[in-house]
Amino acid sequence: MLCCMSATRTQVYLTEAQRAGLDERAEAERTTMAQVIRAAIDRYLADDLGVAEREQVLVETFGSRPGFGSRVPSRDEWDRP
């Protein structure tokens, strides 16, 4: 996280429930409402990866959990109707 950044002031209108939820989250995380909103926006924008980028991430992380496959039941063990 950056400690110093240039920022653009932006005004948005929130419902009472949205505002209360943000206040609760900020208090629980011991941070400001603005920081909670910025983090949420960062996560939202990160989800906007294109298909090619998603495929690259999958390729780069394939096999990063050794032993994971040992917990997955074989097809013979599946319950089938």
N, C-alpha and C. Protein backbone atom coordinates (compact mmCIF):
# COMPACT_ATOMS: atom_id res chain seq x y z
N MET A 1 0.85 -1.17 0.00
CA MET A 1 0.00 0.00 0.00
C MET A 1 0.89 1.24 0.00
N LEU A 2 0.48 2.22 -0.75
CA LEU A 2 1.24 3.45 -0.83
C LEU A 2 0.91 4.36 0.33
N CYS A 3 1.92 5.03 0.85
CA CYS A 3 1.64 5.97 1.94
C CYS A 3 1.32 7.35 1.40
N CYS A 4 1.84 7.66 0.26
CA CYS A 4 1.59 8.97 -0.34
C CYS A 4 1.17 8.78 -1.78
N MET A 5 0.07 9.36 -2.17
CA MET A 5 -0.40 9.21 -3.54
C MET A 5 -1.13 10.47 -3.94
N SER A 6 -1.10 10.74 -5.24
CA SER A 6 -1.92 11.84 -5.70
C SER A 6 -3.34 11.30 -5.77
N ALA A 7 -4.28 12.14 -5.51
CA ALA A 7 -5.66 11.70 -5.47
C ALA A 7 -6.56 12.72 -6.14
N THR A 8 -7.66 12.24 -6.63
CA THR A 8 -8.68 13.09 -7.21
C THR A 8 -9.92 12.96 -6.34
N ARG A 9 -10.42 14.07 -5.89
CA ARG A 9 -11.62 14.04 -5.06
C ARG A 9 -12.81 13.66 -5.92
N THR A 10 -13.59 12.70 -5.43
CA THR A 10 -14.75 12.20 -6.15
C THR A 10 -15.91 12.09 -5.18
N GLN A 11 -17.06 12.56 -5.59
CA GLN A 11 -18.23 12.50 -4.73
C GLN A 11 -19.17 11.43 -5.26
N VAL A 12 -19.63 10.55 -4.37
CA VAL A 12 -20.62 9.54 -4.73
C VAL A 12 -21.74 9.56 -3.69
N TYR A 13 -22.90 9.13 -4.09
CA TYR A 13 -24.03 9.05 -3.18
C TYR A 13 -24.23 7.59 -2.79
N LEU A 14 -24.32 7.33 -1.50
CA LEU A 14 -24.50 5.99 -0.97
C LEU A 14 -25.84 5.89 -0.27
N THR A 15 -26.38 4.68 -0.26
CA THR A 15 -27.58 4.47 0.54
C THR A 15 -27.15 4.44 2.01
N GLU A 16 -28.13 4.54 2.90
CA GLU A 16 -27.80 4.48 4.33
C GLU A 16 -27.17 3.14 4.67
N ALA A 17 -27.68 2.07 4.06
CA ALA A 17 -27.14 0.73 4.33
C ALA A 17 -25.70 0.61 3.83
N GLN A 18 -25.41 1.17 2.66
CA GLN A 18 -24.03 1.12 2.14
C GLN A 18 -23.08 1.88 3.06
N ARG A 19 -23.52 3.05 3.47
CA ARG A 19 -22.68 3.87 4.35
C ARG A 19 -22.44 3.17 5.68
N ALA A 20 -23.48 2.59 6.24
CA ALA A 20 -23.34 1.88 7.52
C ALA A 20 -22.40 0.69 7.36
N GLY A 21 -22.54 -0.03 6.25
CA GLY A 21 -21.66 -1.18 6.01
C GLY A 21 -20.21 -0.77 5.87
N LEU A 22 -19.97 0.32 5.17
CA LEU A 22 -18.60 0.82 5.02
C LEU A 22 -18.03 1.29 6.36
N ASP A 23 -18.84 1.97 7.13
CA ASP A 23 -18.39 2.42 8.45
C ASP A 23 -18.03 1.23 9.34
N GLU A 24 -18.88 0.19 9.32
CA GLU A 24 -18.61 -1.00 10.13
C GLU A 24 -17.32 -1.69 9.68
N ARG A 25 -17.15 -1.80 8.38
CA ARG A 25 -15.95 -2.46 7.85
C ARG A 25 -14.69 -1.67 8.20
N ALA A 26 -14.76 -0.36 8.06
CA ALA A 26 -13.62 0.48 8.38
C ALA A 26 -13.25 0.36 9.86
N GLU A 27 -14.26 0.35 10.71
CA GLU A 27 -14.00 0.22 12.14
C GLU A 27 -13.39 -1.15 12.45
N ALA A 28 -13.92 -2.20 11.83
CA ALA A 28 -13.40 -3.55 12.08
C ALA A 28 -11.95 -3.68 11.60
N GLU A 29 -11.63 -3.01 10.50
CA GLU A 29 -10.28 -3.08 9.94
C GLU A 29 -9.36 -2.00 10.50
N ARG A 30 -9.91 -1.16 11.38
CA ARG A 30 -9.16 -0.06 11.98
C ARG A 30 -8.50 0.83 10.93
N THR A 31 -9.33 1.25 9.99
CA THR A 31 -8.86 2.11 8.92
C THR A 31 -9.95 3.12 8.60
N THR A 32 -9.76 3.88 7.57
CA THR A 32 -10.76 4.89 7.20
C THR A 32 -11.73 4.33 6.16
N MET A 33 -12.88 4.95 6.07
CA MET A 33 -13.85 4.57 5.07
C MET A 33 -13.25 4.76 3.67
N ALA A 34 -12.52 5.83 3.48
CA ALA A 34 -11.90 6.09 2.18
C ALA A 34 -10.96 4.96 1.78
N GLN A 35 -10.20 4.45 2.74
CA GLN A 35 -9.28 3.35 2.44
C GLN A 35 -10.03 2.08 2.08
N VAL A 36 -11.14 1.82 2.76
CA VAL A 36 -11.97 0.65 2.44
C VAL A 36 -12.50 0.77 1.01
N ILE A 37 -12.96 1.95 0.64
CA ILE A 37 -13.50 2.17 -0.70
C ILE A 37 -12.41 2.02 -1.75
N ARG A 38 -11.22 2.59 -1.50
CA ARG A 38 -10.13 2.45 -2.47
C ARG A 38 -9.73 1.00 -2.65
N ALA A 39 -9.67 0.24 -1.56
CA ALA A 39 -9.32 -1.18 -1.65
C ALA A 39 -10.37 -1.95 -2.45
N ALA A 40 -11.64 -1.63 -2.22
CA ALA A 40 -12.72 -2.29 -2.96
C ALA A 40 -12.63 -1.97 -4.45
N ILE A 41 -12.34 -0.74 -4.77
CA ILE A 41 -12.20 -0.34 -6.18
C ILE A 41 -11.01 -1.06 -6.81
N ASP A 42 -9.90 -1.15 -6.08
CA ASP A 42 -8.73 -1.87 -6.60
C ASP A 42 -9.08 -3.33 -6.90
N ARG A 43 -9.81 -4.00 -5.99
CA ARG A 43 -10.21 -5.38 -6.22
C ARG A 43 -11.14 -5.48 -7.43
N TYR A 44 -12.06 -4.55 -7.56
CA TYR A 44 -12.99 -4.54 -8.69
C TYR A 44 -12.24 -4.40 -10.00
N LEU A 45 -11.29 -3.48 -10.05
CA LEU A 45 -10.53 -3.27 -11.28
C LEU A 45 -9.62 -4.46 -11.59
N ALA A 46 -9.09 -5.10 -10.57
CA ALA A 46 -8.23 -6.27 -10.78
C ALA A 46 -9.03 -7.42 -11.37
N ASP A 47 -10.32 -7.52 -11.05
CA ASP A 47 -11.17 -8.57 -11.60
C ASP A 47 -11.44 -8.37 -13.07
N ASP A 48 -11.07 -7.24 -13.60
CA ASP A 48 -11.37 -6.90 -14.99
C ASP A 48 -10.28 -7.40 -15.94
N LEU A 49 -9.54 -8.44 -15.54
CA LEU A 49 -8.52 -9.00 -16.42
C LEU A 49 -9.19 -9.62 -17.65
N GLY A 50 -8.52 -9.54 -18.76
CA GLY A 50 -9.03 -10.18 -19.97
C GLY A 50 -8.79 -11.68 -19.93
N VAL A 51 -9.38 -12.39 -20.86
CA VAL A 51 -9.26 -13.85 -20.91
C VAL A 51 -7.81 -14.26 -21.05
N ALA A 52 -7.05 -13.59 -21.90
CA ALA A 52 -5.64 -13.95 -22.09
C ALA A 52 -4.85 -13.80 -20.80
N GLU A 53 -5.12 -12.74 -20.05
CA GLU A 53 -4.43 -12.53 -18.79
C GLU A 53 -4.80 -13.61 -17.77
N ARG A 54 -6.09 -14.00 -17.73
CA ARG A 54 -6.51 -15.06 -16.82
C ARG A 54 -5.83 -16.37 -17.16
N GLU A 55 -5.75 -16.68 -18.44
CA GLU A 55 -5.08 -17.90 -18.86
C GLU A 55 -3.61 -17.88 -18.45
N GLN A 56 -2.96 -16.74 -18.60
CA GLN A 56 -1.55 -16.62 -18.21
C GLN A 56 -1.37 -16.84 -16.71
N VAL A 57 -2.27 -16.29 -15.91
CA VAL A 57 -2.21 -16.49 -14.46
C VAL A 57 -2.36 -17.97 -14.13
N LEU A 58 -3.30 -18.64 -14.79
CA LEU A 58 -3.48 -20.07 -14.54
C LEU A 58 -2.23 -20.86 -14.92
N VAL A 59 -1.63 -20.52 -16.04
CA VAL A 59 -0.41 -21.21 -16.48
C VAL A 59 0.71 -20.99 -15.47
N GLU A 60 0.86 -19.76 -15.01
CA GLU A 60 1.95 -19.43 -14.09
C GLU A 60 1.78 -20.06 -12.71
N THR A 61 0.54 -20.32 -12.30
CA THR A 61 0.32 -20.85 -10.96
C THR A 61 -0.02 -22.33 -10.94
N PHE A 62 -0.09 -22.97 -12.10
CA PHE A 62 -0.42 -24.39 -12.16
C PHE A 62 0.58 -25.20 -11.35
N GLY A 63 0.08 -26.07 -10.49
CA GLY A 63 0.95 -26.92 -9.69
C GLY A 63 1.54 -26.24 -8.48
N SER A 64 1.05 -25.07 -8.13
CA SER A 64 1.62 -24.34 -6.99
C SER A 64 1.16 -24.90 -5.65
N ARG A 65 0.19 -25.82 -5.65
CA ARG A 65 -0.28 -26.46 -4.43
C ARG A 65 0.02 -27.95 -4.49
N PRO A 66 1.28 -28.36 -4.29
CA PRO A 66 1.59 -29.79 -4.35
C PRO A 66 0.74 -30.57 -3.35
N GLY A 67 0.30 -31.74 -3.75
CA GLY A 67 -0.51 -32.58 -2.88
C GLY A 67 -1.98 -32.25 -2.91
N PHE A 68 -2.38 -31.18 -3.58
CA PHE A 68 -3.79 -30.80 -3.60
C PHE A 68 -4.63 -31.90 -4.25
N GLY A 69 -4.11 -32.48 -5.31
CA GLY A 69 -4.84 -33.51 -6.03
C GLY A 69 -5.11 -34.74 -5.19
N SER A 70 -4.31 -34.97 -4.17
CA SER A 70 -4.52 -36.16 -3.35
C SER A 70 -5.79 -36.06 -2.51
N ARG A 71 -6.33 -34.87 -2.33
CA ARG A 71 -7.56 -34.69 -1.55
C ARG A 71 -8.80 -34.74 -2.42
N VAL A 72 -8.63 -34.79 -3.72
CA VAL A 72 -9.76 -34.82 -4.64
C VAL A 72 -10.13 -36.27 -4.91
N PRO A 73 -11.40 -36.68 -4.68
CA PRO A 73 -11.77 -38.07 -4.92
C PRO A 73 -11.70 -38.42 -6.40
N SER A 74 -11.37 -39.65 -6.68
CA SER A 74 -11.33 -40.09 -8.07
C SER A 74 -12.77 -40.17 -8.59
N ARG A 75 -12.92 -40.24 -9.90
CA ARG A 75 -14.25 -40.30 -10.50
C ARG A 75 -15.00 -41.55 -10.07
N ASP A 76 -14.27 -42.62 -9.75
CA ASP A 76 -14.90 -43.86 -9.30
C ASP A 76 -15.63 -43.67 -7.99
N GLU A 77 -15.22 -42.68 -7.19
CA GLU A 77 -15.83 -42.46 -5.88
C GLU A 77 -17.03 -41.52 -5.92
N TRP A 78 -17.29 -40.91 -7.06
CA TRP A 78 -18.40 -39.97 -7.16
C TRP A 78 -19.73 -40.70 -7.00
N ASP A 79 -20.65 -40.06 -6.33
CA ASP A 79 -22.02 -40.58 -6.24
C ASP A 79 -22.75 -40.21 -7.51
N ARG A 80 -23.26 -41.22 -8.18
CA ARG A 80 -23.98 -40.95 -9.42
C ARG A 80 -25.37 -41.55 -9.31
N PRO A 81 -26.37 -40.84 -9.82
CA PRO A 81 -27.76 -41.35 -9.76
C PRO A 81 -27.98 -42.51 -10.71
